[in-house]
Amino acid sequence: MDLSFGLDATLLARIQFAFTVAFHFIFPAFSIGLASFLAVLNGAYLWTRDEAYLRLFQYWLKIFAISFAMGVVSGIVMSYQFGTNWSVFSDLAGPVIGPLMAYEVLTAFFLEAGFLGIMLFGREKVGDALHMAACLMVAIGTAISATWILSVNSWMHTPAGFTMGENGQFLPADWWAIIFNPSFPYRLVHTLIAAYLTTAFIVGGVGAWHLLQGRTQNRGVRTMFSMAMWMAALVAPLQIIAGHEQGLNTYEHQPVKVLAMEGHFESSQDGIPLILFGIPDQEAGEMRYKIEIPRIGGPILEKGWGASLDGLDTVPRELQPPVEIVFWSFRVMVALGFAMLGVGLWSLWARWRGNLYHAPWLHRAALVMGPSGLVAVIAGWITTEVGRQPYTVYGELLTADSVSPLAASAVGASLVAFIVIYFTIFGAGILYILKLMHHAPERGERGMDDGDGPIRTAGITPGNVEAPDHNPHPAE
């Protein structure tokens, strides 16, 4: 049986890496933000001794543990592909990316692993201060991990600080230039904000689900929804600004990618249009049925109203990325970003009117938008990575020259195995997370260690009824 599906080994290796990265990326995108959310909840409990914060901490801690574990496992599996499908790339770029990946393990992963057990199981064993420190260390560790990984990936987009060896290897010449390459600061900010927004909308979606089930008197539900909507309202505008700044940086260093994102097949004179929608036809080199706004593309790219632009018609076809994929994935990301902003502003309006917890249409919108952050980060990753093609190291190393000398059928067989195993194992994990989310946070919410029993808070027992609304939660 031929498992190559009529595709060559290079394309199959790209599809396999894309599949495993997409599956992996959703877990760090969630756990980075959730680790910080848990640190905030724990800190708020220690500051106020309000049991609602502790209840939410216990509730989301179990979900974090599962997400973190699946992220680690999927990341380890993904890394093996550097040696199997991309051995040539690993050999040539290894002197640069190898040490950076090692730094991620030695700093972030060890930090997370060292304090994770205390965070999950240590509240009753080490005291509040050390437990809070562990929560902060795990949150910081997830951010440091993202920093190193993004430094590696950004270097592949904007390579700097290297020299070429006689055998074609990339040899480090300036580690500061390698780590802080031109696109790294912009992509780090954009990605971390995306992770926080992803978590906010998942938390908000869970809160909205329970509000729609009539649990408006549950203070844990109210608190999680309120905090999530504050994050959406305050951070979504910052993300749009950060995305714009990254776009300008991309235009400076990878202009062909921006041309694909914007669908500019043809060069423009006396004004750059903003193409909203259309059907890209890369073979014909044109955008069919396009809807555009004249001239406004110039100011967006920080050019004048009458600026000119060299389009994809000035770029050899073999050096262009797949425009259809980049064009539409970019629009999915942008549309979801503005939808997040809309939900955030809607929540401010509902909060101002005093019906944040009694606005069913807002709750329905927040529920629908629950997975929007995950979709947006995957769409953004597709835009970034597919837009880099045909290179693995932009302008220096072609993807076709990076793949291992494998038969297409062998790569296809491993791809099928990955799909079956991932959907089985990680699908089961995701279903269990959804099961945990299905119940509302309640008094007596158990922690990770069943031996700890219900939450121990003075004056509160599992049999107590919910606190009345005349004692509003600080987050509300």
Protein backbone atom coordinates (compact mmCIF):
# COMPACT_ATOMS: atom_id res chain seq x y z
CA MET A 1 0.00 0.00 0.00
CA ASP A 2 1.45 3.35 -1.09
CA LEU A 3 1.16 5.83 1.79
CA SER A 4 2.81 8.70 -0.08
CA PHE A 5 -0.63 9.82 -1.38
CA GLY A 6 1.07 10.98 -4.55
CA LEU A 7 3.10 13.64 -2.67
CA ASP A 8 6.86 14.01 -2.45
CA ALA A 9 8.85 13.45 0.73
CA THR A 10 9.47 17.17 1.31
CA LEU A 11 5.79 18.10 1.26
CA LEU A 12 4.87 15.12 3.44
CA ALA A 13 7.57 16.08 5.96
CA ARG A 14 6.21 19.63 6.03
CA ILE A 15 2.65 18.37 6.57
CA GLN A 16 3.80 16.07 9.35
CA PHE A 17 5.68 18.83 11.12
CA ALA A 18 2.75 21.20 10.67
CA PHE A 19 0.35 18.64 12.15
CA THR A 20 2.49 17.88 15.20
CA VAL A 21 3.32 21.54 15.84
CA ALA A 22 -0.32 22.60 15.53
CA PHE A 23 -1.35 19.90 17.99
CA HIS A 24 1.48 20.85 20.34
CA PHE A 25 1.04 24.61 20.11
CA ILE A 26 -2.50 24.66 21.51
CA PHE A 27 -1.28 23.33 24.87
CA PRO A 28 1.53 25.86 25.56
CA ALA A 29 -0.69 28.65 24.22
CA PHE A 30 -3.19 27.71 26.93
CA SER A 31 -0.82 26.73 29.75
CA ILE A 32 1.34 29.88 29.50
CA GLY A 33 -1.64 32.09 30.20
CA LEU A 34 -3.23 29.67 32.65
CA ALA A 35 -0.05 29.49 34.76
CA SER A 36 -0.15 33.27 35.16
CA PHE A 37 -3.90 33.17 35.86
CA LEU A 38 -3.32 30.62 38.62
CA ALA A 39 -0.57 32.77 40.13
CA VAL A 40 -2.95 35.74 40.15
CA LEU A 41 -5.72 33.67 41.75
CA ASN A 42 -3.39 32.33 44.43
CA GLY A 43 -1.99 35.77 45.15
CA ALA A 44 -5.50 37.25 45.37
CA TYR A 45 -6.51 34.54 47.84
CA LEU A 46 -3.47 35.16 50.04
CA TRP A 47 -4.12 38.91 49.94
CA THR A 48 -7.87 38.82 50.63
CA ARG A 49 -8.41 35.34 52.14
CA ASP A 50 -11.52 35.21 49.97
CA GLU A 51 -12.40 31.55 49.51
CA ALA A 52 -13.77 32.15 46.00
CA TYR A 53 -10.26 32.76 44.69
CA LEU A 54 -8.97 29.56 46.28
CA ARG A 55 -11.90 27.64 44.89
CA LEU A 56 -11.08 28.85 41.38
CA PHE A 57 -7.41 28.07 41.89
CA GLN A 58 -8.22 24.45 42.75
CA TYR A 59 -10.66 24.24 39.84
CA TRP A 60 -8.23 25.45 37.16
CA LEU A 61 -5.17 23.77 38.69
CA LYS A 62 -6.37 20.33 37.62
CA ILE A 63 -6.98 21.56 34.08
CA PHE A 64 -3.55 23.18 34.01
CA ALA A 65 -1.84 19.96 35.10
CA ILE A 66 -3.37 17.99 32.23
CA SER A 67 -2.68 20.70 29.66
CA PHE A 68 0.91 21.09 30.83
CA ALA A 69 1.53 17.35 30.66
CA MET A 70 0.10 17.06 27.14
CA GLY A 71 2.18 20.03 26.03
CA VAL A 72 5.39 18.43 27.33
CA VAL A 73 4.67 15.05 25.75
CA SER A 74 3.66 16.49 22.37
CA GLY A 75 6.73 18.74 22.38
CA ILE A 76 9.12 15.87 23.02
CA VAL A 77 7.60 13.83 20.20
CA MET A 78 7.80 16.79 17.86
CA SER A 79 11.48 17.34 18.51
CA TYR A 80 12.39 13.91 17.19
CA GLN A 81 11.42 15.04 13.70
CA PHE A 82 14.51 17.24 13.59
CA GLY A 83 16.56 14.06 13.48
CA THR A 84 14.25 11.97 11.32
CA ASN A 85 12.64 14.17 8.67
CA TRP A 86 14.92 17.22 8.88
CA SER A 87 18.38 15.81 9.53
CA VAL A 88 20.06 18.02 6.92
CA PHE A 89 18.59 21.14 8.51
CA SER A 90 19.67 19.89 11.95
CA ASP A 91 23.20 19.34 10.72
CA LEU A 92 23.54 22.71 9.02
CA ALA A 93 21.70 24.89 11.58
CA GLY A 94 22.52 22.80 14.66
CA PRO A 95 25.47 24.94 15.84
CA VAL A 96 23.03 27.85 16.23
CA ILE A 97 19.69 26.33 17.22
CA GLY A 98 21.12 23.45 19.30
CA PRO A 99 22.50 25.60 22.13
CA LEU A 100 19.35 27.76 22.20
CA MET A 101 17.17 24.68 22.58
CA ALA A 102 19.49 23.44 25.32
CA TYR A 103 19.18 26.77 27.16
CA GLU A 104 15.40 26.34 27.09
CA VAL A 105 15.72 22.98 28.82
CA LEU A 106 18.36 24.15 31.33
CA THR A 107 16.44 27.26 32.35
CA ALA A 108 12.72 27.10 31.66
CA PHE A 109 12.01 23.38 31.74
CA PHE A 110 14.09 22.75 34.87
CA LEU A 111 12.43 25.74 36.56
CA GLU A 112 8.95 24.50 35.67
CA ALA A 113 9.70 20.90 36.61
CA GLY A 114 11.38 21.90 39.87
CA PHE A 115 8.43 23.89 41.18
CA LEU A 116 5.49 22.20 39.47
CA GLY A 117 5.12 19.51 42.13
CA ILE A 118 5.05 22.14 44.89
CA MET A 119 2.46 24.13 42.97
CA LEU A 120 0.24 21.09 42.41
CA PHE A 121 0.54 19.31 45.75
CA GLY A 122 2.37 21.53 48.21
CA ARG A 123 -0.07 24.05 49.66
CA GLU A 124 -0.67 22.09 52.87
CA LYS A 125 2.94 20.90 53.06
CA VAL A 126 5.23 23.89 52.50
CA GLY A 127 3.16 26.87 53.60
CA ASP A 128 1.60 29.77 51.75
CA ALA A 129 4.79 31.72 51.00
CA LEU A 130 6.73 28.91 49.36
CA HIS A 131 3.63 27.69 47.55
CA MET A 132 3.09 31.18 46.13
CA ALA A 133 6.74 31.32 45.09
CA ALA A 134 6.29 28.00 43.29
CA CYS A 135 3.26 29.35 41.43
CA LEU A 136 5.29 32.37 40.32
CA MET A 137 8.24 30.22 39.27
CA VAL A 138 6.04 28.00 37.12
CA ALA A 139 4.43 31.05 35.49
CA ILE A 140 7.82 32.64 34.88
CA GLY A 141 9.17 29.34 33.59
CA THR A 142 6.47 29.05 30.95
CA ALA A 143 7.27 32.57 29.74
CA ILE A 144 11.01 31.82 29.65
CA SER A 145 10.32 28.66 27.67
CA ALA A 146 8.35 30.68 25.12
CA THR A 147 11.22 33.19 24.99
CA TRP A 148 13.85 30.63 23.99
CA ILE A 149 11.62 28.82 21.52
CA LEU A 150 10.62 32.08 19.86
CA SER A 151 14.24 33.16 19.71
CA VAL A 152 15.07 29.98 17.78
CA ASN A 153 12.11 30.31 15.47
CA SER A 154 12.62 34.04 14.93
CA TRP A 155 16.24 33.43 13.97
CA MET A 156 14.99 31.14 11.21
CA HIS A 157 12.93 34.08 9.91
CA THR A 158 15.48 36.84 10.40
CA PRO A 159 18.88 35.11 10.69
CA ALA A 160 21.66 37.20 12.19
CA GLY A 161 24.93 36.84 14.07
CA PHE A 162 26.31 33.88 12.10
CA THR A 163 29.00 33.01 9.63
CA MET A 164 28.98 30.22 7.06
CA GLY A 165 31.37 27.30 7.50
CA GLU A 166 33.09 25.56 4.65
CA ASN A 167 30.57 22.71 4.69
CA GLY A 168 27.60 25.09 4.63
CA GLN A 169 26.97 25.07 8.37
CA PHE A 170 25.67 28.15 10.18
CA LEU A 171 28.32 28.97 12.77
CA PRO A 172 27.58 31.36 15.65
CA ALA A 173 29.56 34.60 15.56
CA ASP A 174 27.54 36.87 17.87
CA TRP A 175 25.16 35.20 20.34
CA TRP A 176 23.50 38.47 21.27
CA ALA A 177 22.66 39.09 17.63
CA ILE A 178 21.42 35.51 17.27
CA ILE A 179 19.16 35.58 20.33
CA PHE A 180 17.89 39.13 19.84
CA ASN A 181 17.49 38.86 16.09
CA PRO A 182 15.42 41.56 14.34
CA SER A 183 12.00 39.85 14.53
CA PHE A 184 12.35 38.31 18.00
CA PRO A 185 11.12 41.17 20.26
CA TYR A 186 8.01 41.74 18.15
CA ARG A 187 7.11 38.07 17.88
CA LEU A 188 7.71 37.47 21.61
CA VAL A 189 5.31 40.24 22.63
CA HIS A 190 2.71 39.20 20.07
CA THR A 191 2.87 35.52 21.07
CA LEU A 192 2.77 36.05 24.83
CA ILE A 193 -0.21 38.39 24.55
CA ALA A 194 -1.88 35.79 22.32
CA ALA A 195 -1.35 33.17 25.03
CA TYR A 196 -2.95 35.39 27.68
CA LEU A 197 -5.90 36.15 25.40
CA THR A 198 -6.26 32.46 24.57
CA THR A 199 -6.56 31.65 28.26
CA ALA A 200 -8.89 34.58 28.90
CA PHE A 201 -11.37 33.44 26.28
CA ILE A 202 -11.26 29.81 27.39
CA VAL A 203 -11.87 30.87 30.98
CA GLY A 204 -14.54 33.33 29.82
CA GLY A 205 -16.17 30.67 27.67
CA VAL A 206 -16.36 28.27 30.61
CA GLY A 207 -17.81 31.00 32.79
CA ALA A 208 -20.32 31.91 30.10
CA TRP A 209 -21.40 28.27 29.80
CA HIS A 210 -22.21 28.08 33.49
CA LEU A 211 -23.98 31.45 33.47
CA LEU A 212 -26.16 30.21 30.61
CA GLN A 213 -26.95 27.15 32.76
CA GLY A 214 -28.46 29.48 35.36
CA ARG A 215 -25.54 29.48 37.80
CA THR A 216 -25.54 33.25 38.15
CA GLN A 217 -25.33 33.03 41.95
CA ASN A 218 -22.14 30.97 41.89
CA ARG A 219 -19.41 33.41 42.89
CA GLY A 220 -16.69 31.29 41.32
CA VAL A 221 -18.48 31.40 37.97
CA ARG A 222 -19.07 35.13 38.26
CA THR A 223 -15.46 35.79 39.22
CA MET A 224 -13.92 33.78 36.40
CA PHE A 225 -16.18 35.40 33.83
CA SER A 226 -15.51 38.89 35.18
CA MET A 227 -11.73 38.44 35.22
CA ALA A 228 -11.73 36.97 31.72
CA MET A 229 -13.76 39.84 30.32
CA TRP A 230 -11.45 42.39 31.95
CA MET A 231 -8.53 40.69 30.22
CA ALA A 232 -10.35 40.67 26.88
CA ALA A 233 -11.30 44.33 27.13
CA LEU A 234 -7.87 45.56 28.22
CA VAL A 235 -5.49 43.27 26.32
CA ALA A 236 -7.23 42.75 22.95
CA PRO A 237 -6.49 46.35 21.85
CA LEU A 238 -2.84 45.88 22.86
CA GLN A 239 -2.69 42.71 20.78
CA ILE A 240 -3.94 44.52 17.70
CA ILE A 241 -1.24 47.16 18.16
CA ALA A 242 1.42 44.49 18.76
CA GLY A 243 0.28 42.63 15.65
CA HIS A 244 0.52 45.78 13.56
CA GLU A 245 4.05 46.45 14.79
CA GLN A 246 5.07 42.88 14.00
CA GLY A 247 3.58 43.30 10.55
CA LEU A 248 5.74 46.34 9.92
CA ASN A 249 8.79 44.44 11.11
CA THR A 250 7.88 41.57 8.80
CA TYR A 251 7.51 43.96 5.87
CA GLU A 252 10.99 45.29 6.58
CA HIS A 253 12.69 41.88 6.73
CA GLN A 254 10.35 39.53 4.83
CA PRO A 255 8.47 41.71 2.33
CA VAL A 256 7.42 38.74 0.16
CA LYS A 257 5.51 37.27 3.11
CA VAL A 258 3.58 40.52 3.55
CA LEU A 259 2.78 40.62 -0.16
CA ALA A 260 1.28 37.14 0.19
CA MET A 261 -0.61 38.11 3.35
CA GLU A 262 -2.11 41.14 1.64
CA GLY A 263 -2.63 39.46 -1.73
CA HIS A 264 -0.60 41.96 -3.74
CA PHE A 265 0.11 40.02 -6.92
CA GLU A 266 0.42 43.16 -8.97
CA SER A 267 2.68 46.12 -8.33
CA SER A 268 0.92 49.34 -7.34
CA GLN A 269 1.73 52.86 -8.46
CA ASP A 270 0.29 56.05 -6.98
CA GLY A 271 -1.30 54.44 -3.94
CA ILE A 272 -1.41 50.99 -2.34
CA PRO A 273 -4.87 49.44 -1.99
CA LEU A 274 -5.97 47.42 1.02
CA ILE A 275 -7.37 44.14 -0.30
CA LEU A 276 -10.04 42.95 2.11
CA PHE A 277 -11.16 39.78 0.34
CA GLY A 278 -10.70 37.97 -2.91
CA ILE A 279 -9.79 34.64 -4.46
CA PRO A 280 -6.02 34.31 -4.90
CA ASP A 281 -4.98 32.73 -8.20
CA GLN A 282 -1.25 32.22 -7.91
CA GLU A 283 -0.88 30.47 -11.23
CA ALA A 284 -2.46 33.40 -13.05
CA GLY A 285 -0.77 35.89 -10.72
CA GLU A 286 -3.91 37.80 -9.84
CA MET A 287 -6.52 38.30 -7.16
CA ARG A 288 -9.93 37.41 -8.52
CA TYR A 289 -13.17 39.05 -7.35
CA LYS A 290 -11.25 41.29 -4.98
CA ILE A 291 -12.82 43.80 -2.65
CA GLU A 292 -10.39 46.57 -1.82
CA ILE A 293 -10.11 50.02 -0.34
CA PRO A 294 -7.96 52.31 -2.53
CA ARG A 295 -4.76 53.90 -1.19
CA ILE A 296 -5.25 53.02 2.49
CA GLY A 297 -2.61 50.28 2.34
CA GLY A 298 0.11 52.93 2.12
CA PRO A 299 -0.52 54.51 5.54
CA ILE A 300 -0.97 51.05 7.09
CA LEU A 301 2.54 50.16 5.91
CA GLU A 302 3.69 53.60 7.11
CA LYS A 303 4.08 54.85 3.58
CA GLY A 304 2.36 57.83 2.02
CA TRP A 305 -1.11 57.86 0.43
CA GLY A 306 0.48 57.92 -3.00
CA ALA A 307 3.20 55.35 -2.28
CA SER A 308 4.14 52.60 -4.71
CA LEU A 309 4.62 48.93 -3.99
CA ASP A 310 6.47 46.16 -5.81
CA GLY A 311 4.10 43.20 -5.95
CA LEU A 312 4.62 39.47 -6.31
CA ASP A 313 4.96 40.01 -10.05
CA THR A 314 8.52 41.16 -9.27
CA VAL A 315 9.34 37.97 -7.34
CA PRO A 316 10.26 34.71 -9.12
CA ARG A 317 7.48 32.14 -8.79
CA GLU A 318 9.79 29.61 -7.11
CA LEU A 319 10.55 32.11 -4.33
CA GLN A 320 6.91 32.88 -3.52
CA PRO A 321 5.08 31.22 -0.61
CA PRO A 322 1.69 29.52 -1.18
CA VAL A 323 -0.38 32.68 -1.35
CA GLU A 324 -3.80 31.05 -0.89
CA ILE A 325 -2.88 29.60 2.50
CA VAL A 326 -1.10 32.70 3.79
CA PHE A 327 -3.78 35.08 2.53
CA TRP A 328 -6.67 33.27 4.25
CA SER A 329 -4.91 32.24 7.47
CA PHE A 330 -3.93 35.88 7.98
CA ARG A 331 -7.55 36.96 7.59
CA VAL A 332 -8.76 34.34 10.02
CA MET A 333 -6.29 35.61 12.61
CA VAL A 334 -7.17 39.26 12.09
CA ALA A 335 -10.92 38.61 12.07
CA LEU A 336 -10.71 36.72 15.36
CA GLY A 337 -8.58 39.47 16.87
CA PHE A 338 -11.22 42.09 16.12
CA ALA A 339 -13.97 39.71 17.29
CA MET A 340 -12.12 39.41 20.62
CA LEU A 341 -11.99 43.18 20.83
CA GLY A 342 -15.73 43.32 20.12
CA VAL A 343 -16.54 40.89 22.93
CA GLY A 344 -14.31 42.83 25.30
CA LEU A 345 -16.03 46.13 24.50
CA TRP A 346 -19.43 44.45 24.75
CA SER A 347 -18.53 43.23 28.24
CA LEU A 348 -17.55 46.76 29.28
CA TRP A 349 -20.95 48.00 28.12
CA ALA A 350 -22.71 45.22 30.05
CA ARG A 351 -20.58 45.89 33.12
CA TRP A 352 -21.37 49.60 32.98
CA ARG A 353 -25.09 48.79 32.77
CA GLY A 354 -24.77 46.41 35.72
CA ASN A 355 -25.91 43.25 33.91
CA LEU A 356 -22.62 41.50 33.15
CA TYR A 357 -23.97 38.27 34.62
CA HIS A 358 -27.45 38.64 33.17
CA ALA A 359 -26.70 39.26 29.49
CA PRO A 360 -27.41 35.95 27.73
CA TRP A 361 -26.41 37.16 24.27
CA LEU A 362 -23.04 38.31 25.61
CA HIS A 363 -22.66 34.92 27.29
CA ARG A 364 -23.49 33.13 24.05
CA ALA A 365 -20.92 35.22 22.22
CA ALA A 366 -18.28 34.50 24.87
CA LEU A 367 -19.09 30.78 24.71
CA VAL A 368 -18.71 30.71 20.92
CA MET A 369 -15.47 32.67 21.25
CA GLY A 370 -14.10 30.28 23.87
CA PRO A 371 -11.76 28.43 21.47
CA SER A 372 -11.10 31.52 19.35
CA GLY A 373 -7.67 32.10 20.86
CA LEU A 374 -6.55 28.60 19.93
CA VAL A 375 -7.78 29.05 16.37
CA ALA A 376 -6.14 32.46 16.13
CA VAL A 377 -2.72 31.26 17.31
CA ILE A 378 -2.80 28.35 14.86
CA ALA A 379 -3.84 30.71 12.05
CA GLY A 380 -1.05 33.09 13.02
CA TRP A 381 1.49 30.29 13.11
CA ILE A 382 0.37 29.11 9.65
CA THR A 383 0.71 32.66 8.35
CA THR A 384 4.20 32.98 9.76
CA GLU A 385 5.60 29.58 8.85
CA VAL A 386 3.99 29.03 5.46
CA GLY A 387 4.81 32.63 4.61
CA ARG A 388 8.50 31.85 5.14
CA GLN A 389 8.50 29.29 2.34
CA PRO A 390 10.40 28.23 0.30
CA TYR A 391 13.00 28.65 3.05
CA THR A 392 13.68 27.05 6.41
CA VAL A 393 16.27 29.74 7.20
CA TYR A 394 14.91 32.75 5.37
CA GLY A 395 17.02 33.77 2.40
CA GLU A 396 19.75 31.27 3.34
CA LEU A 397 18.55 27.67 3.30
CA LEU A 398 15.79 26.26 1.11
CA THR A 399 13.27 23.83 2.56
CA ALA A 400 13.93 21.43 -0.29
CA ASP A 401 17.60 21.34 0.78
CA SER A 402 16.76 20.74 4.46
CA VAL A 403 14.81 17.49 4.36
CA SER A 404 16.23 14.05 5.15
CA PRO A 405 16.85 11.63 2.27
CA LEU A 406 13.75 9.54 3.02
CA ALA A 407 11.28 7.77 0.77
CA ALA A 408 7.92 9.49 0.49
CA SER A 409 6.11 6.31 1.53
CA ALA A 410 8.10 6.16 4.79
CA VAL A 411 7.23 9.76 5.68
CA GLY A 412 3.60 9.16 4.71
CA ALA A 413 3.39 6.06 6.93
CA SER A 414 4.73 7.95 9.96
CA LEU A 415 2.30 10.80 9.23
CA VAL A 416 -0.65 8.40 9.31
CA ALA A 417 0.67 6.92 12.58
CA PHE A 418 0.97 10.40 14.11
CA ILE A 419 -2.58 11.31 13.12
CA VAL A 420 -4.08 8.14 14.60
CA ILE A 421 -2.07 8.26 17.83
CA TYR A 422 -2.49 12.00 18.39
CA PHE A 423 -6.24 12.02 17.90
CA THR A 424 -6.59 8.98 20.15
CA ILE A 425 -4.37 10.01 23.06
CA PHE A 426 -4.62 13.78 23.01
CA GLY A 427 -8.24 13.62 21.98
CA ALA A 428 -8.95 11.65 25.16
CA GLY A 429 -7.07 14.25 27.19
CA ILE A 430 -9.04 17.11 25.66
CA LEU A 431 -12.32 15.31 26.34
CA TYR A 432 -11.31 14.90 29.98
CA ILE A 433 -10.50 18.60 30.23
CA LEU A 434 -13.94 19.41 28.83
CA LYS A 435 -15.45 17.07 31.42
CA LEU A 436 -13.67 18.97 34.19
CA MET A 437 -14.93 22.25 32.76
CA HIS A 438 -18.49 20.93 32.64
CA HIS A 439 -18.99 21.24 36.39
CA ALA A 440 -18.94 24.62 38.08
CA PRO A 441 -16.43 25.48 40.82
CA GLU A 442 -18.11 24.67 44.12
CA ARG A 443 -17.41 24.93 47.79
CA GLY A 444 -15.17 22.08 48.82
CA GLU A 445 -13.47 22.03 45.42
CA ARG A 446 -10.82 19.37 45.78
CA GLY A 447 -7.21 19.98 44.87
CA MET A 448 -4.75 17.75 43.06
CA ASP A 449 -4.10 15.60 46.12
CA ASP A 450 -7.25 13.74 47.15
CA GLY A 451 -5.75 13.26 50.58
CA ASP A 452 -5.98 16.98 51.16
CA GLY A 453 -9.77 16.77 51.11
CA PRO A 454 -11.91 19.86 50.76
CA ILE A 455 -10.54 23.36 50.88
CA ARG A 456 -9.52 24.33 54.39
CA THR A 457 -10.67 27.88 55.00
CA ALA A 458 -11.72 29.23 58.36
CA GLY A 459 -15.48 29.39 58.80
CA ILE A 460 -16.21 27.60 55.51
CA THR A 461 -17.28 24.00 55.14
CA PRO A 462 -18.41 22.06 52.07
CA GLY A 463 -21.98 22.10 53.29
CA ASN A 464 -22.24 25.88 53.41
CA VAL A 465 -24.52 27.54 50.89
CA GLU A 466 -23.29 30.12 48.40
CA ALA A 467 -22.54 33.57 49.75
CA PRO A 468 -25.27 36.08 48.91
CA ASP A 469 -24.73 38.64 46.19
CA HIS A 470 -24.83 41.57 48.62
CA ASN A 471 -21.18 40.69 49.39
CA PRO A 472 -19.76 41.17 45.90
CA HIS A 473 -16.47 39.64 44.90
CA PRO A 474 -13.59 42.14 44.52
CA ALA A 475 -13.07 41.11 40.88
CA GLU A 476 -16.63 42.07 40.01
